[in-house]
Amino acid sequence: MAYLSWIDDESLINAVKKLATSVATGREKARKQFDRNVIDPFAAEFSMLLSNSDIPWKEFELHRQVDKSLTNAIGSFHQQILGSVHGWRDLNNNTLVDIVNDDRKIIAELKNKFNTLNASGTVTLYNTLSELVNHRGSMYNGYTAYYVTIIPKTPSGYNI
């Protein structure tokens, strides 16, 4: 029996492996290049105090950097998973949108969380999506565009 009914096991396993590899790579990069980035010792200290952590601040900062790699990898994971659903294609970050369904004439830009973009970034995204689906010369002319947030601000679903 399949792990999930809406995606084949091989695609799911490959996406999880890619996520794990990305995090491991991020961890190794953070260790090797730890002193390359300017570190805010105040933020590190306050984060440690507020989280009741007693580990050394360097380890805490390393964990924070690895966590950032994980957050970025999760965005790619969602794109790979949704792009593996029947009828959908993952465009692998090579274009202006993340996934496309040519049969249903839909394009989508995916963001992990509702607050990923600030106001000006959201306006830019909407303008880009509008141009893609409304410009006569666009390969997505006549498609419907979606800005998809995996984790919305409110837990209820919506289609606006």
Protein backbone atom coordinates (compact mmCIF):
# COMPACT_ATOMS: atom_id res chain seq x y z
CA MET A 1 0.00 0.00 0.00
CA ALA A 2 1.27 3.48 -0.87
CA TYR A 3 2.38 5.92 1.83
CA LEU A 4 0.04 8.56 0.40
CA SER A 5 -2.80 8.10 -2.06
CA TRP A 6 -2.08 11.22 -4.12
CA ILE A 7 1.66 10.81 -4.86
CA ASP A 8 3.76 7.78 -5.76
CA ASP A 9 6.12 6.40 -3.14
CA GLU A 10 9.25 6.98 -5.22
CA SER A 11 8.53 10.71 -5.55
CA LEU A 12 7.82 11.02 -1.83
CA ILE A 13 10.97 9.12 -0.85
CA ASN A 14 13.10 11.18 -3.25
CA ALA A 15 11.70 14.42 -1.83
CA VAL A 16 12.47 13.33 1.75
CA LYS A 17 16.00 12.25 0.74
CA LYS A 18 16.60 15.58 -0.97
CA LEU A 19 15.39 17.43 2.13
CA ALA A 20 17.69 15.39 4.40
CA THR A 21 20.65 15.96 2.08
CA SER A 22 19.98 19.70 1.96
CA VAL A 23 19.91 19.93 5.74
CA ALA A 24 23.10 17.87 6.08
CA THR A 25 24.80 20.10 3.51
CA GLY A 26 23.56 23.19 5.35
CA ARG A 27 24.90 21.83 8.64
CA GLU A 28 28.33 21.16 7.13
CA LYS A 29 28.41 24.58 5.46
CA ALA A 30 27.43 26.28 8.73
CA ARG A 31 30.24 24.48 10.56
CA LYS A 32 32.87 25.27 7.93
CA GLN A 33 31.83 28.88 7.40
CA PHE A 34 30.67 29.73 10.92
CA ASP A 35 32.91 32.77 11.34
CA ARG A 36 32.29 34.02 7.81
CA ASN A 37 28.92 35.56 8.72
CA VAL A 38 28.54 38.46 11.09
CA ILE A 39 26.88 37.08 14.17
CA ASP A 40 24.66 39.16 16.40
CA PRO A 41 25.76 38.15 19.91
CA PHE A 42 22.88 40.08 21.49
CA ALA A 43 20.29 38.12 19.51
CA ALA A 44 22.09 34.88 20.35
CA GLU A 45 22.21 35.66 24.06
CA PHE A 46 18.60 36.79 24.29
CA SER A 47 17.41 33.81 22.23
CA MET A 48 19.26 31.50 24.58
CA LEU A 49 17.85 33.22 27.66
CA LEU A 50 14.29 33.25 26.34
CA SER A 51 14.44 29.61 25.31
CA ASN A 52 15.96 28.64 28.66
CA SER A 53 18.95 27.11 26.89
CA ASP A 54 22.18 26.40 28.69
CA ILE A 55 24.21 25.28 25.69
CA PRO A 56 27.17 27.46 24.61
CA TRP A 57 26.14 30.38 22.37
CA LYS A 58 28.24 29.10 19.43
CA GLU A 59 26.35 25.81 19.42
CA PHE A 60 23.08 27.70 19.73
CA GLU A 61 24.01 29.91 16.75
CA LEU A 62 25.08 26.87 14.72
CA HIS A 63 21.71 25.28 15.45
CA ARG A 64 19.95 28.49 14.32
CA GLN A 65 21.88 28.46 11.03
CA VAL A 66 21.07 24.78 10.43
CA ASP A 67 17.42 25.51 11.23
CA LYS A 68 17.46 28.19 8.53
CA SER A 69 18.75 25.58 6.05
CA LEU A 70 15.91 23.30 7.13
CA THR A 71 13.33 26.04 6.57
CA ASN A 72 14.64 26.67 3.05
CA ALA A 73 14.74 22.93 2.31
CA ILE A 74 11.12 22.55 3.43
CA GLY A 75 10.07 25.09 0.80
CA SER A 76 11.79 23.02 -1.89
CA PHE A 77 10.28 19.86 -0.39
CA HIS A 78 6.74 21.26 -0.75
CA GLN A 79 7.44 22.28 -4.33
CA GLN A 80 8.84 18.85 -5.20
CA ILE A 81 5.92 17.05 -3.53
CA LEU A 82 3.19 19.15 -5.12
CA GLY A 83 4.98 19.05 -8.45
CA SER A 84 4.84 15.24 -8.28
CA VAL A 85 1.07 15.06 -7.92
CA HIS A 86 -0.56 13.62 -11.07
CA GLY A 87 -0.97 16.36 -13.68
CA TRP A 88 1.46 18.78 -12.04
CA ARG A 89 5.07 19.62 -12.87
CA ASP A 90 7.74 21.03 -10.58
CA LEU A 91 9.58 23.71 -12.54
CA ASN A 92 12.63 23.38 -10.26
CA ASN A 93 13.00 27.10 -9.55
CA ASN A 94 14.07 27.69 -13.15
CA THR A 95 11.16 29.98 -13.97
CA LEU A 96 8.95 32.63 -12.45
CA VAL A 97 6.54 30.09 -10.94
CA ASP A 98 7.06 26.89 -8.98
CA ILE A 99 4.54 24.40 -10.34
CA VAL A 100 2.26 24.12 -13.34
CA ASN A 101 -0.69 22.00 -14.43
CA ASP A 102 -1.05 22.37 -18.19
CA ASP A 103 -4.24 20.28 -18.42
CA ARG A 104 -6.07 22.51 -15.94
CA LYS A 105 -4.22 25.65 -17.06
CA ILE A 106 -2.96 26.57 -13.61
CA ILE A 107 0.34 28.02 -12.46
CA ALA A 108 1.31 28.43 -8.83
CA GLU A 109 3.96 30.15 -6.78
CA LEU A 110 4.44 28.40 -3.43
CA LYS A 111 5.50 29.94 -0.15
CA ASN A 112 5.89 27.96 3.04
CA LYS A 113 4.26 30.46 5.39
CA PHE A 114 1.80 33.34 5.11
CA ASN A 115 4.40 35.89 6.21
CA THR A 116 7.18 34.85 3.84
CA LEU A 117 6.71 37.97 1.73
CA ASN A 118 6.43 41.53 2.93
CA ALA A 119 3.83 43.88 1.40
CA SER A 120 6.00 45.06 -1.50
CA GLY A 121 7.11 41.49 -2.25
CA THR A 122 3.48 40.40 -2.37
CA VAL A 123 2.60 43.21 -4.78
CA THR A 124 5.54 42.28 -7.00
CA LEU A 125 4.48 38.62 -6.97
CA TYR A 126 0.87 39.43 -7.86
CA ASN A 127 2.03 41.70 -10.70
CA THR A 128 4.34 38.99 -12.02
CA LEU A 129 1.60 36.36 -11.88
CA SER A 130 -0.87 38.72 -13.55
CA GLU A 131 1.59 39.45 -16.34
CA LEU A 132 2.19 35.72 -16.87
CA VAL A 133 -1.49 34.85 -17.28
CA ASN A 134 -2.66 38.03 -19.06
CA HIS A 135 0.15 38.89 -21.49
CA ARG A 136 -0.56 37.58 -24.99
CA GLY A 137 3.05 36.55 -25.55
CA SER A 138 3.30 34.57 -22.32
CA MET A 139 3.34 30.79 -22.47
CA TYR A 140 0.85 30.89 -19.56
CA ASN A 141 -1.62 33.29 -21.19
CA GLY A 142 -5.13 32.17 -20.27
CA TYR A 143 -4.00 30.18 -17.24
CA THR A 144 -5.15 30.86 -13.69
CA ALA A 145 -2.37 31.87 -11.29
CA TYR A 146 -2.26 31.07 -7.60
CA TYR A 147 -0.09 32.34 -4.78
CA VAL A 148 -0.16 29.35 -2.44
CA THR A 149 0.77 29.53 1.22
CA ILE A 150 1.30 26.11 2.73
CA ILE A 151 0.81 27.44 6.27
CA PRO A 152 -1.89 30.14 6.12
CA LYS A 153 -2.50 32.84 8.71
CA THR A 154 -5.75 31.17 9.76
CA PRO A 155 -6.24 27.40 9.89
CA SER A 156 -9.27 27.40 7.60
CA GLY A 157 -8.94 26.74 3.89
CA TYR A 158 -9.69 29.42 1.35
CA ASN A 159 -9.62 30.07 -2.38
CA ILE A 160 -9.43 33.81 -3.02
